[in-house]
Amino acid sequence: MAAHGLLNAYVVFARGAEPSAGPFLLGLRDAGGAFREAYAATGGEAFVIRPDGYLAACLPVGDPGRLVGHLRRTFAVG
């Protein structure tokens, strides 16, 4: 809703993690650790990755309001 349907959301699971993305998210496994290495992921973060691969935001998953706020600002409808 905050992105007005303009983005795809994925859950990236570390190697060995049990996937449980839920009904509205697609799950991907970072089997080789490439995502972890590229974005310095340690666990518990929500990343917003632009289509060109640049990191737009890295926010704590424990504070979903920050992620929603970022998406609302990014996808503001004038």
C-alpha atoms as a PDB file:
ATOM      1  CA  MET A   1       0.000   0.000   0.000  1.00  0.00           C
ATOM      2  CA  ALA A   2       2.786   2.441   0.837  1.00  0.00           C
ATOM      3  CA  ALA A   3       4.388   1.774  -2.560  1.00  0.00           C
ATOM      4  CA  HIS A   4       1.107   1.910  -4.493  1.00  0.00           C
ATOM      5  CA  GLY A   5       1.825  -1.474  -6.129  1.00  0.00           C
ATOM      6  CA  LEU A   6       5.047  -0.187  -7.705  1.00  0.00           C
ATOM      7  CA  LEU A   7       7.538  -2.627  -6.209  1.00  0.00           C
ATOM      8  CA  ASN A   8       8.141  -6.307  -5.671  1.00  0.00           C
ATOM      9  CA  ALA A   9       8.946  -7.542  -2.168  1.00  0.00           C
ATOM     10  CA  TYR A  10      11.142 -10.568  -1.500  1.00  0.00           C
ATOM     11  CA  VAL A  11      12.416 -12.233   1.628  1.00  0.00           C
ATOM     12  CA  VAL A  12      16.060 -13.328   1.281  1.00  0.00           C
ATOM     13  CA  PHE A  13      16.939 -16.249   3.528  1.00  0.00           C
ATOM     14  CA  ALA A  14      20.484 -17.045   4.579  1.00  0.00           C
ATOM     15  CA  ARG A  15      21.955 -20.421   3.740  1.00  0.00           C
ATOM     16  CA  GLY A  16      20.460 -22.950   6.153  1.00  0.00           C
ATOM     17  CA  ALA A  17      17.557 -20.717   7.227  1.00  0.00           C
ATOM     18  CA  GLU A  18      14.096 -22.212   7.095  1.00  0.00           C
ATOM     19  CA  PRO A  19      12.050 -20.320   4.462  1.00  0.00           C
ATOM     20  CA  SER A  20       8.725 -18.950   5.674  1.00  0.00           C
ATOM     21  CA  ALA A  21       8.024 -15.912   3.505  1.00  0.00           C
ATOM     22  CA  GLY A  22       4.262 -15.953   3.979  1.00  0.00           C
ATOM     23  CA  PRO A  23       1.495 -15.655   1.433  1.00  0.00           C
ATOM     24  CA  PHE A  24       2.315 -12.176   0.104  1.00  0.00           C
ATOM     25  CA  LEU A  25       6.108 -12.309  -0.240  1.00  0.00           C
ATOM     26  CA  LEU A  26       8.407 -14.286  -2.473  1.00  0.00           C
ATOM     27  CA  GLY A  27      11.270 -16.065  -0.766  1.00  0.00           C
ATOM     28  CA  LEU A  28      14.785 -16.400  -2.150  1.00  0.00           C
ATOM     29  CA  ARG A  29      17.700 -18.306  -0.614  1.00  0.00           C
ATOM     30  CA  ASP A  30      21.126 -16.656  -0.432  1.00  0.00           C
ATOM     31  CA  ALA A  31      22.827 -20.052  -0.800  1.00  0.00           C
ATOM     32  CA  GLY A  32      26.214 -18.669  -1.790  1.00  0.00           C
ATOM     33  CA  GLY A  33      26.121 -15.644   0.512  1.00  0.00           C
ATOM     34  CA  ALA A  34      26.268 -13.126  -2.373  1.00  0.00           C
ATOM     35  CA  PHE A  35      23.457 -10.945  -0.984  1.00  0.00           C
ATOM     36  CA  ARG A  36      24.954 -10.997   2.522  1.00  0.00           C
ATOM     37  CA  GLU A  37      28.341 -10.006   1.148  1.00  0.00           C
ATOM     38  CA  ALA A  38      27.098  -7.332  -1.262  1.00  0.00           C
ATOM     39  CA  TYR A  39      24.875  -5.572   1.281  1.00  0.00           C
ATOM     40  CA  ALA A  40      26.666  -6.478   4.551  1.00  0.00           C
ATOM     41  CA  ALA A  41      23.527  -8.179   5.850  1.00  0.00           C
ATOM     42  CA  THR A  42      23.766  -9.494   9.384  1.00  0.00           C
ATOM     43  CA  GLY A  43      20.119 -10.471   9.934  1.00  0.00           C
ATOM     44  CA  GLY A  44      17.123  -8.548  11.141  1.00  0.00           C
ATOM     45  CA  GLU A  45      17.344  -5.799   8.526  1.00  0.00           C
ATOM     46  CA  ALA A  46      14.886  -4.749   5.859  1.00  0.00           C
ATOM     47  CA  PHE A  47      16.687  -3.681   2.694  1.00  0.00           C
ATOM     48  CA  VAL A  48      15.209  -1.585  -0.094  1.00  0.00           C
ATOM     49  CA  ILE A  49      17.236  -2.317  -3.216  1.00  0.00           C
ATOM     50  CA  ARG A  50      16.709  -0.143  -6.276  1.00  0.00           C
ATOM     51  CA  PRO A  51      16.320  -1.828  -9.689  1.00  0.00           C
ATOM     52  CA  ASP A  52      19.894  -0.790 -10.553  1.00  0.00           C
ATOM     53  CA  GLY A  53      21.207  -2.704  -7.508  1.00  0.00           C
ATOM     54  CA  TYR A  54      21.962   0.311  -5.321  1.00  0.00           C
ATOM     55  CA  LEU A  55      20.895   0.228  -1.691  1.00  0.00           C
ATOM     56  CA  ALA A  56      18.084   2.727  -1.086  1.00  0.00           C
ATOM     57  CA  ALA A  57      17.539   1.912   2.607  1.00  0.00           C
ATOM     58  CA  CYS A  58      18.556  -0.497   5.345  1.00  0.00           C
ATOM     59  CA  LEU A  59      16.120  -0.418   8.241  1.00  0.00           C
ATOM     60  CA  PRO A  60      15.506  -2.571  11.325  1.00  0.00           C
ATOM     61  CA  VAL A  61      12.656  -5.062  10.822  1.00  0.00           C
ATOM     62  CA  GLY A  62      11.591  -4.425  14.418  1.00  0.00           C
ATOM     63  CA  ASP A  63      10.385  -0.957  13.370  1.00  0.00           C
ATOM     64  CA  PRO A  64       8.088  -1.465  10.357  1.00  0.00           C
ATOM     65  CA  GLY A  65       6.931   2.150  10.576  1.00  0.00           C
ATOM     66  CA  ARG A  66      10.326   3.333   9.344  1.00  0.00           C
ATOM     67  CA  LEU A  67      10.078   1.079   6.282  1.00  0.00           C
ATOM     68  CA  VAL A  68       6.517   2.192   5.549  1.00  0.00           C
ATOM     69  CA  GLY A  69       7.573   5.829   5.971  1.00  0.00           C
ATOM     70  CA  HIS A  70      10.492   5.361   3.566  1.00  0.00           C
ATOM     71  CA  LEU A  71       8.220   3.750   0.969  1.00  0.00           C
ATOM     72  CA  ARG A  72       5.592   6.480   1.342  1.00  0.00           C
ATOM     73  CA  ARG A  73       8.226   9.172   0.782  1.00  0.00           C
ATOM     74  CA  THR A  74       9.755   7.314  -2.166  1.00  0.00           C
ATOM     75  CA  PHE A  75       6.449   6.553  -3.862  1.00  0.00           C
ATOM     76  CA  ALA A  76       4.623   9.765  -2.926  1.00  0.00           C
ATOM     77  CA  VAL A  77       1.769  10.514  -5.259  1.00  0.00           C
ATOM     78  CA  GLY A  78       1.650  14.224  -5.970  1.00  0.00           C
END
